[in-house]
Protein backbone atom coordinates (compact mmCIF):
# COMPACT_ATOMS: atom_id res chain seq x y z
CA MET A 1 -11.99 5.13 -2.53
CA PHE A 2 -13.23 1.35 -3.04
CA ASP A 3 -16.28 1.72 -5.89
CA ASP A 4 -13.90 1.37 -8.63
CA GLY A 5 -13.68 -2.47 -7.93
CA PRO A 6 -16.24 -4.88 -8.70
CA GLY A 7 -19.08 -5.15 -6.52
CA LEU A 8 -19.46 -9.30 -6.06
CA TYR A 9 -15.90 -9.38 -5.43
CA LEU A 10 -16.26 -6.27 -2.47
CA ALA A 11 -19.46 -8.20 -0.88
CA THR A 12 -17.93 -11.42 -1.02
CA SER A 13 -15.01 -9.99 0.92
CA ALA A 14 -17.64 -7.99 3.29
CA LEU A 15 -19.48 -11.12 4.40
CA ALA A 16 -16.09 -12.92 4.75
CA VAL A 17 -15.16 -10.44 7.22
CA ALA A 18 -17.95 -10.43 8.77
CA PHE A 19 -18.35 -14.33 9.21
CA LEU A 20 -14.44 -15.05 10.70
CA SER A 21 -15.02 -11.97 12.79
CA CYS A 22 -18.21 -13.83 14.58
CA CYS A 23 -15.75 -16.69 14.72
CA ARG A 24 -13.18 -15.40 16.42
CA LYS A 25 -15.25 -13.29 19.04
CA TYR A 26 -16.56 -16.67 19.91
CA TRP A 27 -13.77 -18.71 20.00
CA LEU A 28 -12.01 -15.57 22.29
CA ASN A 29 -15.08 -15.46 24.99
CA SER A 30 -15.64 -18.71 25.16
CA SER A 31 -11.91 -20.79 25.63
CA HIS A 32 -9.73 -18.15 26.83
CA PRO A 33 -9.28 -15.18 29.68
CA PRO A 34 -10.57 -11.87 28.79
CA LEU A 35 -9.25 -9.64 25.81
CA PRO A 36 -8.17 -6.33 27.19
CA PRO A 37 -10.62 -3.71 27.78
CA GLY A 38 -11.76 -1.58 24.64
CA PRO A 39 -14.66 0.53 22.93
CA THR A 40 -17.00 -1.79 21.12
CA PRO A 41 -16.31 -2.69 17.79
CA LEU A 42 -19.26 -2.14 15.21
CA PRO A 43 -19.67 -5.44 12.70
CA ILE A 44 -17.51 -6.14 9.96
CA VAL A 45 -15.30 -2.67 10.58
CA GLY A 46 -14.29 -3.09 13.95
CA ASN A 47 -12.93 0.36 15.34
CA ILE A 48 -11.84 2.16 11.82
CA LEU A 49 -14.17 4.26 11.58
CA SER A 50 -13.19 6.10 15.13
CA LEU A 51 -9.71 6.09 14.04
CA ASP A 52 -8.88 9.81 13.36
CA SER A 53 -6.54 8.25 10.41
CA ALA A 54 -4.25 11.38 10.06
CA ARG A 55 -3.59 11.56 13.68
CA PRO A 56 -4.44 8.27 15.12
CA TRP A 57 -2.76 8.82 18.01
CA LEU A 58 -5.53 11.22 18.93
CA THR A 59 -8.03 8.60 19.32
CA LEU A 60 -5.86 6.71 21.04
CA ASN A 61 -5.13 8.96 23.86
CA ALA A 62 -8.75 9.56 24.35
CA TRP A 63 -9.06 5.36 24.61
CA ARG A 64 -6.56 4.95 26.86
CA SER A 65 -8.48 8.14 29.26
CA THR A 66 -11.11 5.76 29.31
CA TYR A 67 -10.12 1.69 29.13
CA GLY A 68 -6.11 2.43 30.04
CA ASP A 69 -2.71 1.88 29.11
CA ILE A 70 -3.35 -1.79 27.73
CA ILE A 71 -6.46 -2.13 25.48
CA PHE A 72 -7.74 -3.82 22.61
CA ALA A 73 -8.85 -2.91 19.57
CA ARG A 74 -10.25 -4.26 15.77
CA LEU A 75 -9.52 -2.62 12.39
CA LEU A 76 -11.75 -4.33 10.15
CA ASN A 77 -10.17 -7.33 10.23
CA LYS A 78 -6.94 -6.53 12.12
CA PRO A 79 -7.05 -7.07 15.82
CA VAL A 80 -4.67 -4.64 18.13
CA ILE A 81 -3.37 -4.37 21.16
CA VAL A 82 -2.26 -0.90 22.15
CA ILE A 83 0.05 -0.25 24.45
CA ASN A 84 0.24 3.34 26.43
CA SER A 85 2.32 2.36 29.44
CA GLU A 86 6.39 2.61 29.48
CA GLU A 87 6.05 -0.13 32.24
CA ILE A 88 4.10 -2.61 30.25
CA ALA A 89 6.45 -1.80 27.36
CA LYS A 90 9.42 -2.37 29.15
CA ASP A 91 7.53 -5.80 30.77
CA LEU A 92 6.46 -7.20 27.85
CA PHE A 93 9.21 -6.17 25.05
CA GLU A 94 12.61 -6.43 27.33
CA GLY A 95 10.85 -9.62 29.95
CA ARG A 96 9.06 -11.14 27.49
CA SER A 97 11.34 -11.06 24.33
CA THR A 98 11.51 -14.06 23.42
CA ILE A 99 7.34 -13.93 22.69
CA TYR A 100 7.19 -10.24 21.48
CA SER A 101 9.75 -9.70 18.85
CA ASP A 102 8.02 -10.51 16.20
CA LYS A 103 6.46 -8.31 13.49
CA PRO A 104 2.60 -8.64 12.14
CA GLN A 105 2.88 -9.34 7.92
CA SER A 106 1.11 -7.98 5.68
CA ILE A 107 0.66 -7.73 1.80
CA VAL A 108 0.91 -4.35 1.22
CA TYR A 109 4.55 -4.38 1.92
CA GLU A 110 5.96 -6.59 -0.98
CA PRO A 111 4.07 -3.86 -3.11
CA PHE A 112 5.58 -0.71 -1.18
CA ALA A 113 9.28 -2.47 -0.99
CA SER A 114 9.35 -3.14 2.39
CA ASP A 115 9.25 -5.97 3.21
CA PHE A 116 13.75 -5.59 3.28
CA ASN A 117 13.04 -3.10 6.26
CA ILE A 118 14.73 -4.80 9.08
CA GLY A 119 12.05 -3.16 11.11
CA LEU A 120 9.30 -4.85 9.54
CA MET A 121 10.81 -7.79 8.81
CA PRO A 122 9.05 -11.51 10.76
CA TYR A 123 11.65 -13.21 13.74
CA GLY A 124 13.96 -15.44 11.60
CA ASP A 125 16.88 -16.21 9.60
CA ARG A 126 16.50 -13.04 7.50
CA TRP A 127 16.23 -10.86 10.33
CA ARG A 128 19.08 -12.73 11.94
CA LEU A 129 21.53 -11.63 9.23
CA HIS A 130 19.98 -8.10 8.61
CA ARG A 131 20.35 -7.78 12.09
CA ARG A 132 23.79 -9.41 12.51
CA MET A 133 25.48 -6.75 10.04
CA PHE A 134 23.92 -3.92 12.01
CA HIS A 135 25.23 -5.33 14.68
CA GLN A 136 28.78 -5.54 13.73
CA ALA A 137 28.80 -2.06 11.63
CA PHE A 138 26.87 0.18 14.48
CA ARG A 139 27.21 -1.24 17.76
CA GLN A 140 28.32 1.39 20.63
CA ALA A 141 31.92 0.80 20.02
CA GLU A 142 32.50 0.91 16.47
CA ILE A 143 30.54 4.42 16.60
CA PRO A 144 34.05 6.92 17.47
CA THR A 145 35.47 5.56 13.62
CA TYR A 146 32.14 7.63 12.03
CA HIS A 147 33.50 10.62 14.35
CA ALA A 148 35.03 12.16 11.22
CA LEU A 149 32.86 11.91 8.64
CA THR A 150 30.07 13.26 11.18
CA LEU A 151 32.27 16.21 12.25
CA ARG A 152 32.70 16.99 8.49
CA SER A 153 29.41 17.26 7.85
CA ALA A 154 28.54 19.02 10.44
CA HIS A 155 30.92 21.65 9.28
CA LYS A 156 29.77 21.70 5.95
CA MET A 157 25.94 22.24 7.14
CA LEU A 158 27.33 25.80 9.47
CA PHE A 159 29.00 26.82 6.43
CA SER A 160 25.79 26.46 4.48
CA LEU A 161 23.91 28.17 6.52
CA LEU A 162 25.87 31.02 6.75
CA GLN A 163 26.16 31.70 3.26
CA ASP A 164 22.28 30.74 3.05
CA PRO A 165 20.34 31.26 6.42
CA GLY A 166 16.96 31.20 4.83
CA ASN A 167 17.45 27.46 3.10
CA TYR A 168 18.30 26.25 6.27
CA PRO A 169 15.86 23.03 6.30
CA SER A 170 17.68 21.89 3.11
CA HIS A 171 21.08 22.20 4.89
CA VAL A 172 20.21 20.22 7.73
CA LYS A 173 18.74 17.55 5.13
CA MET A 174 22.03 17.85 3.81
CA PHE A 175 24.29 17.39 6.60
CA THR A 176 21.85 13.92 7.45
CA ALA A 177 22.40 12.33 3.52
CA SER A 178 26.08 13.70 3.37
CA SER A 179 26.65 11.91 6.74
CA ILE A 180 24.70 8.83 6.59
CA LEU A 181 25.93 8.34 2.66
CA SER A 182 29.53 8.69 3.53
CA ILE A 183 29.36 5.89 6.37
CA VAL A 184 27.22 3.36 4.33
CA TYR A 185 28.80 4.14 0.84
CA ASP A 186 31.87 6.16 1.22
CA TYR A 187 29.82 8.51 -1.16
CA GLU A 188 29.63 12.40 -1.26
CA VAL A 189 25.98 14.11 -1.65
CA LYS A 190 27.59 17.02 -4.33
CA ALA A 191 24.10 19.02 -4.42
CA LYS A 192 20.84 18.72 -3.34
CA ASP A 193 19.68 17.72 -6.55
CA ASP A 194 22.23 14.58 -6.49
CA THR A 195 20.45 11.57 -8.27
CA ILE A 196 21.15 9.00 -5.20
CA LEU A 197 19.54 11.08 -3.02
CA HIS A 198 16.87 12.10 -5.49
CA VAL A 199 15.61 8.27 -5.73
CA ILE A 200 15.92 7.57 -1.79
CA GLU A 201 13.54 10.67 -1.28
CA THR A 202 11.19 9.86 -3.75
CA TYR A 203 10.80 6.02 -2.00
CA LEU A 204 10.34 7.34 1.33
CA GLU A 205 8.03 10.07 0.12
CA VAL A 206 5.92 7.19 -1.07
CA ALA A 207 6.47 4.44 1.21
CA VAL A 208 5.54 6.30 3.87
CA GLU A 209 2.31 7.65 2.41
CA MET A 210 1.04 4.51 1.78
CA LEU A 211 1.58 2.13 4.70
CA THR A 212 -0.61 4.14 7.33
CA PRO A 213 -2.63 2.14 9.55
CA ARG A 214 -5.78 2.75 7.14
CA THR A 215 -4.37 2.19 3.83
CA THR A 216 -2.83 -1.06 5.52
CA VAL A 217 -5.96 -2.65 6.91
CA ALA A 218 -8.27 -1.17 3.48
CA ILE A 219 -5.84 -3.39 1.34
CA GLU A 220 -5.44 -6.02 3.88
CA THR A 221 -9.39 -6.36 3.15
CA PHE A 222 -9.71 -5.54 -0.18
CA PRO A 223 -6.03 -7.35 -2.05
CA PHE A 224 -7.71 -6.79 -5.19
CA LEU A 225 -6.96 -2.94 -5.07
CA LEU A 226 -3.60 -4.00 -5.98
CA ARG A 227 -4.43 -5.85 -8.96
CA LEU A 228 -6.30 -3.25 -10.69
CA PRO A 229 -4.01 -2.62 -13.93
CA SER A 230 -2.66 1.04 -13.31
CA TRP A 231 -4.46 2.48 -16.05
CA PHE A 232 -7.63 1.67 -14.28
CA PRO A 233 -9.83 4.61 -12.75
CA GLY A 234 -8.95 4.81 -9.23
CA ALA A 235 -6.15 2.68 -8.95
CA THR A 236 -4.34 4.95 -6.75
CA PHE A 237 -2.57 2.16 -4.56
CA LYS A 238 -1.73 0.35 -8.00
CA ARG A 239 -0.08 3.16 -9.42
CA ALA A 240 1.35 3.99 -6.15
CA SER A 241 3.13 0.52 -5.87
CA VAL A 242 4.65 0.72 -9.68
CA LYS A 243 6.55 4.13 -8.66
CA CYS A 244 7.34 3.14 -5.15
CA LEU A 245 9.04 -0.23 -6.47
CA ASN A 246 10.69 1.04 -8.92
CA ALA A 247 12.51 3.65 -7.08
CA ALA A 248 13.36 1.13 -4.93
CA HIS A 249 15.41 -0.77 -7.29
CA ASP A 250 17.16 2.40 -7.96
CA VAL A 251 17.77 2.54 -4.05
CA LYS A 252 19.27 -0.51 -3.91
CA GLU A 253 21.74 -0.91 -6.73
CA LEU A 254 22.31 2.87 -7.65
CA PRO A 255 24.81 3.53 -4.25
CA PHE A 256 25.92 -0.45 -4.25
CA GLN A 257 27.26 0.05 -8.44
CA TYR A 258 28.99 3.09 -7.20
CA VAL A 259 30.99 1.21 -4.31
CA LYS A 260 31.38 -1.84 -6.60
CA GLU A 261 33.16 0.17 -9.41
CA LYS A 262 35.09 1.92 -6.76
CA MET A 263 36.41 -1.38 -5.38
CA SER A 264 37.79 -2.46 -8.56
CA THR A 265 40.00 0.57 -9.11
CA GLY A 266 40.98 -0.15 -5.29
CA ASN A 267 39.69 3.48 -4.67
CA MET A 268 37.57 2.44 -1.92
CA ALA A 269 38.09 4.00 1.35
CA PRO A 270 36.14 1.63 4.52
CA CYS A 271 32.20 2.18 4.73
CA PHE A 272 29.33 -0.54 5.67
CA VAL A 273 29.16 -1.87 2.13
CA THR A 274 33.06 -2.91 1.87
CA GLU A 275 33.35 -3.94 5.53
CA THR A 276 30.08 -5.86 5.60
CA LEU A 277 31.46 -7.92 2.39
CA ASN A 278 35.07 -8.12 4.11
CA ARG A 279 33.82 -9.32 7.36
CA ALA A 280 31.63 -12.39 5.05
CA ARG A 281 34.94 -12.94 3.55
CA LEU A 282 33.04 -12.64 0.14
CA SER A 283 33.30 -10.97 -3.49
CA VAL A 284 30.39 -9.01 -4.64
CA GLU A 285 29.86 -12.39 -6.74
CA ASP A 286 30.05 -14.88 -4.84
CA ASP A 287 27.10 -15.28 -3.06
CA ASN A 288 23.30 -13.68 -3.71
CA VAL A 289 21.70 -13.98 -0.06
CA ILE A 290 24.66 -12.21 1.16
CA THR A 291 25.11 -9.41 -1.49
CA THR A 292 21.64 -9.17 -1.91
CA ALA A 293 21.35 -8.83 1.90
CA VAL A 294 23.76 -5.93 1.83
CA LYS A 295 22.00 -4.30 -0.67
CA GLU A 296 18.96 -3.80 1.72
CA ALA A 297 20.89 -2.79 4.81
CA ALA A 298 22.68 -0.63 3.24
CA CYS A 299 19.20 1.15 1.65
CA MET A 300 17.75 0.90 4.89
CA ALA A 301 20.38 2.08 7.16
CA PHE A 302 20.28 5.63 4.83
CA ALA A 303 16.46 5.60 4.50
CA GLY A 304 15.54 4.52 8.23
CA GLY A 305 17.79 7.84 9.36
CA VAL A 306 17.77 10.49 7.24
CA GLU A 307 14.11 11.34 7.14
CA THR A 308 14.22 11.20 10.89
CA THR A 309 17.35 12.47 12.31
CA THR A 310 16.76 15.76 9.75
CA SER A 311 13.27 16.20 11.19
CA THR A 312 14.87 15.47 15.00
CA LEU A 313 17.21 18.52 13.93
CA LEU A 314 14.45 20.45 12.81
CA VAL A 315 12.40 20.34 15.80
CA PHE A 316 15.19 21.00 17.87
CA LEU A 317 15.73 24.74 15.57
CA LEU A 318 12.19 24.94 16.72
CA ALA A 319 12.40 24.80 20.34
CA MET A 320 15.70 27.21 20.00
CA VAL A 321 13.35 29.72 18.97
CA LEU A 322 10.63 28.92 21.16
CA HIS A 323 12.74 28.85 24.70
CA PRO A 324 15.52 31.30 23.90
CA GLU A 325 16.47 30.82 27.42
CA ALA A 326 17.55 27.36 26.87
CA GLN A 327 19.47 28.38 23.79
CA ALA A 328 21.38 30.72 25.95
CA LYS A 329 22.00 28.62 28.67
CA ALA A 330 24.00 25.76 25.98
CA HIS A 331 25.92 29.10 24.79
CA ALA A 332 27.09 29.74 28.29
CA GLU A 333 28.00 26.68 28.83
CA ILE A 334 29.69 25.97 24.85
CA ASP A 335 31.72 29.25 25.39
CA ARG A 336 33.21 27.75 29.34
CA VAL A 337 33.86 24.79 27.95
CA VAL A 338 35.14 24.69 24.31
CA GLY A 339 35.81 28.56 24.20
CA LYS A 340 35.49 30.77 20.52
CA ASP A 341 38.64 29.85 19.12
CA ARG A 342 36.88 26.25 17.70
CA LEU A 343 34.38 24.06 17.36
CA PRO A 344 33.06 21.41 19.93
CA GLY A 345 34.52 17.55 19.15
CA PHE A 346 32.95 14.57 20.49
CA ASP A 347 35.55 14.41 23.23
CA ASP A 348 33.81 17.36 24.21
CA ARG A 349 30.69 15.78 24.79
CA PRO A 350 31.00 14.68 28.44
CA ALA A 351 32.04 17.73 29.43
CA LEU A 352 28.59 19.32 27.68
CA PRO A 353 26.25 18.05 30.05
CA TYR A 354 23.54 20.80 29.41
CA VAL A 355 23.45 20.40 25.31
CA GLU A 356 23.11 16.59 26.44
CA ALA A 357 19.76 17.69 27.82
CA ILE A 358 19.11 19.72 25.00
CA LEU A 359 18.96 16.63 22.62
CA ARG A 360 17.34 14.29 25.79
CA GLU A 361 14.62 16.65 26.26
CA THR A 362 14.31 16.80 21.70
CA LEU A 363 13.75 13.26 21.52
CA ARG A 364 10.93 13.66 24.22
CA TRP A 365 9.31 16.89 23.55
CA HIS A 366 8.20 16.18 19.99
CA PRO A 367 9.10 12.11 18.88
CA ILE A 368 8.86 11.52 14.90
CA PHE A 369 6.94 9.20 15.57
CA PRO A 370 4.02 9.00 17.40
CA LEU A 371 3.27 5.15 17.10
CA GLY A 372 5.56 2.73 17.08
CA ILE A 373 6.31 -0.49 14.70
CA PRO A 374 3.88 -2.26 15.51
CA SER A 375 4.99 -5.74 16.94
CA ALA A 376 3.17 -9.97 17.17
CA THR A 377 3.22 -12.19 19.55
CA THR A 378 5.52 -15.94 18.64
CA THR A 379 2.71 -17.64 21.15
CA SER A 380 -0.21 -16.64 22.91
CA ASP A 381 0.56 -15.05 26.55
CA ILE A 382 -1.36 -14.06 29.43
CA TYR A 383 -0.90 -10.77 31.07
CA LYS A 384 -2.62 -9.25 34.04
CA GLY A 385 -4.71 -11.21 33.36
CA TYR A 386 -5.60 -10.77 29.51
CA PHE A 387 -5.31 -13.10 26.91
CA ILE A 388 -3.35 -11.97 23.74
CA PRO A 389 -3.23 -14.45 20.85
CA LYS A 390 -0.66 -15.89 19.09
CA GLY A 391 -0.04 -13.76 15.70
CA TRP A 392 -3.38 -12.49 15.63
CA TYR A 393 -2.40 -9.10 17.11
CA HIS A 394 0.08 -6.91 16.15
CA THR A 395 1.00 -4.10 19.33
CA VAL A 396 0.44 -0.71 18.44
CA LEU A 397 2.89 1.72 21.39
CA ALA A 398 1.49 5.08 21.64
CA LYS A 399 4.83 6.90 22.55
CA VAL A 400 2.85 10.26 22.18
CA ALA A 401 -0.73 11.26 21.83
CA ASN A 402 -0.43 14.98 21.75
CA ASP A 403 -2.19 16.90 18.98
CA PRO A 404 0.28 19.12 16.29
CA ASP A 405 -0.08 22.27 18.51
CA TYR A 406 0.87 20.29 21.96
CA GLN A 407 -2.58 20.68 23.27
CA GLY A 408 -3.40 17.25 25.26
CA LEU A 409 -0.86 15.29 26.88
CA SER A 410 0.72 12.02 25.76
CA ALA A 411 0.92 8.06 26.80
CA MET A 412 4.93 7.70 27.59
CA THR A 413 6.94 10.78 26.57
CA HIS A 414 3.96 13.54 28.05
CA ASP A 415 4.14 11.30 30.81
CA GLU A 416 2.64 13.48 33.79
CA THR A 417 3.71 11.24 36.90
CA LYS A 418 7.62 10.56 34.89
CA TYR A 419 7.91 14.04 32.96
CA PRO A 420 5.99 16.78 35.25
CA SER A 421 4.88 19.64 32.70
CA PRO A 422 5.16 17.62 29.85
CA GLU A 423 4.05 20.37 27.11
CA GLU A 424 7.44 22.65 28.25
CA PHE A 425 10.33 22.16 26.64
CA LYS A 426 12.67 22.24 29.73
CA PRO A 427 15.97 19.99 29.57
CA GLU A 428 16.73 20.45 33.21
CA ARG A 429 13.97 17.60 33.82
CA PHE A 430 17.42 15.40 32.10
CA LEU A 431 19.95 16.90 35.36
CA HIS A 432 20.72 17.19 39.13
CA ASP A 433 20.18 19.80 40.76
CA ASP A 434 24.26 19.75 40.36
CA GLY A 435 24.08 19.76 37.28
CA SER A 436 25.31 16.70 36.22
CA LEU A 437 23.22 13.96 34.10
CA THR A 438 20.57 11.85 35.08
CA ASN A 439 19.94 8.23 34.03
CA ASP A 440 17.19 8.67 31.77
CA ARG A 441 18.90 8.29 28.16
CA MET A 442 15.32 9.43 27.08
CA HIS A 443 15.63 6.45 24.38
CA LEU A 444 11.45 5.23 24.28
CA GLY A 445 11.93 6.90 20.73
CA PHE A 446 14.31 3.69 19.82
CA GLY A 447 12.11 0.84 21.11
CA TRP A 448 12.43 -1.86 23.06
CA GLY A 449 14.61 -5.68 23.17
CA ARG A 450 15.23 -7.25 20.69
CA ARG A 451 13.38 -5.05 17.74
CA MET A 452 15.17 -1.52 19.55
CA CYS A 453 16.35 0.59 16.89
CA VAL A 454 19.57 -1.01 15.17
CA GLY A 455 20.62 2.21 14.43
CA ARG A 456 20.02 4.32 17.44
CA HIS A 457 24.07 5.06 18.20
CA VAL A 458 24.55 6.79 14.89
CA ALA A 459 21.48 8.90 15.20
CA ASP A 460 22.53 9.87 18.46
CA ALA A 461 25.98 10.50 17.94
CA SER A 462 24.75 12.65 14.46
CA LEU A 463 22.37 14.46 16.77
CA TRP A 464 24.44 15.99 19.27
CA ILE A 465 27.19 17.04 17.17
CA ALA A 466 25.03 18.82 15.01
CA MET A 467 23.33 20.72 17.88
CA ALA A 468 26.51 21.22 20.15
CA SER A 469 28.31 22.68 16.48
CA PHE A 470 24.63 24.74 15.36
CA LEU A 471 25.12 26.73 19.54
CA ALA A 472 28.46 27.08 19.07
CA VAL A 473 28.27 29.54 16.04
CA PHE A 474 24.55 30.65 15.30
CA SER A 475 21.34 31.45 17.86
CA ALA A 476 17.83 30.78 16.50
CA HIS A 477 15.56 33.61 16.60
CA LYS A 478 11.54 34.48 15.22
CA ALA A 479 11.97 35.99 11.42
CA LEU A 480 11.16 39.49 11.26
CA ASP A 481 8.58 41.10 9.30
CA SER A 482 8.99 44.17 6.93
CA HIS A 483 8.96 46.71 10.11
CA GLY A 484 11.39 44.36 11.77
CA MET A 485 9.25 42.86 14.70
CA ASP A 486 9.01 39.14 15.13
CA ILE A 487 6.51 37.04 12.79
CA PRO A 488 4.54 34.78 15.58
CA VAL A 489 5.86 31.10 15.51
CA ILE A 490 2.69 28.44 15.36
CA PRO A 491 4.01 25.27 15.23
CA LYS A 492 2.92 23.44 12.09
CA TYR A 493 3.17 19.87 11.25
CA THR A 494 2.62 16.73 8.88
CA THR A 495 0.22 14.35 9.48
CA GLY A 496 0.35 10.28 9.54
CA VAL A 497 2.35 7.54 11.00
CA ALA A 498 5.50 9.59 11.11
CA VAL A 499 5.11 13.46 12.18
CA PHE A 500 7.42 16.07 10.67
CA VAL A 501 8.22 20.15 10.97
CA LYS A 502 6.54 21.72 8.26
CA SER A 503 6.98 25.34 9.58
CA HIS A 504 9.85 26.46 7.70
CA LEU A 505 9.52 30.07 7.79
CA PHE A 506 9.77 30.72 11.33
CA LEU A 507 13.42 30.93 11.51
CA ARG A 508 16.82 33.71 11.51
CA LEU A 509 19.90 32.57 12.23
CA VAL A 510 22.14 35.29 14.28
CA ARG A 511 26.13 34.42 14.84
């Protein structure tokens, strides 16, 4: 990867990293309490050679068994604190939120159009502006205003599944996309090759691929990789950056211009963009800061929700195929409460605790992001006798550390002490003996404290209505071979920061 760069620049960078590492190690060891335990870093490269780049949670889980629930490691010049305990995460991100609400900044964010992502923004005025916009639109009290749109999208998904069951991944994605685009832009997706949907998918594909821990550390250590001309042999990062920036421009501008045109004709239903502008009492041209923030926030509302919600629903379908007993219990509950003459609605949710338990167990069983989004300290801190310096360390949350075939246990969502037999899909773990729901709402995947996911309530509503609607109409079963025999299901998943189901031929639907 690095052979294409100037040799002198590479050598100088390596020496600088080594020198700074020595200085940092000397300063930390001589002036403060000890760092958390962890693997011994090598000179210059630190622990990066030990990290499984495709499935880093496997490495983190191995470290946890040796060093405990709070670990120090170094990836090249990046010091990292790894947290594997829900208790520690709550202590730091909720109990000490004034210290742990920042985000580490990286030179890769701007070249890959991620500097306007609220999940990556540093704690400050820009983040507060975006956060306020999201909170006003997507707080719990506002979610019922979106129920009709989400329900309509769910019914369209059912019809598409009925017409073309073999293409179920596309129908699930269209449900998520149409629901979020309606909420954010009052925009209806016409087809799977929709222009706006295409540019968003292009942007997400490049951004997710490039913002991996190993790629980020490599570019931060050798920044000249982004200054190479696009035509230069091996300039992979630069070409990806150009593609990502172009797609991000379209993602922000195309749907916003659609809203602007509809507003000018007076033919615009309420949506995130119009309501946010109205709250600010500003027209589109009045304030460039507000207008830019609305464009960015709207873009992130969609980009941050479409892949995660879609992938969680595919995990749900996989769970139903592998665990027909859970599916049968859900069918029985829906038949008893809703009947067979109508589809479930949001008003039925309190009376369907088993369906609710299936949603929670899906989030626990296979979270989409095995690693949380890194955080950073605004000041130095001492926790349980360990020193955590200001700004130097970003925190990685190893929420789940199982391999793609569920062999091995994870740090939080597969914690045996809280979730016995964690590799099993058991919705009953979220129910009391009398069938009522426990207080565990399975919010681990949404984070903690001030940086908790701003779209969690919308995601929760979308996931529930999609699952309830599906279970009211269909049963998911293993696909059949040419002899009518079940085809064995071997779950397969993508690798990287986000982990998605890629076994798309395991399912047949029965009405």
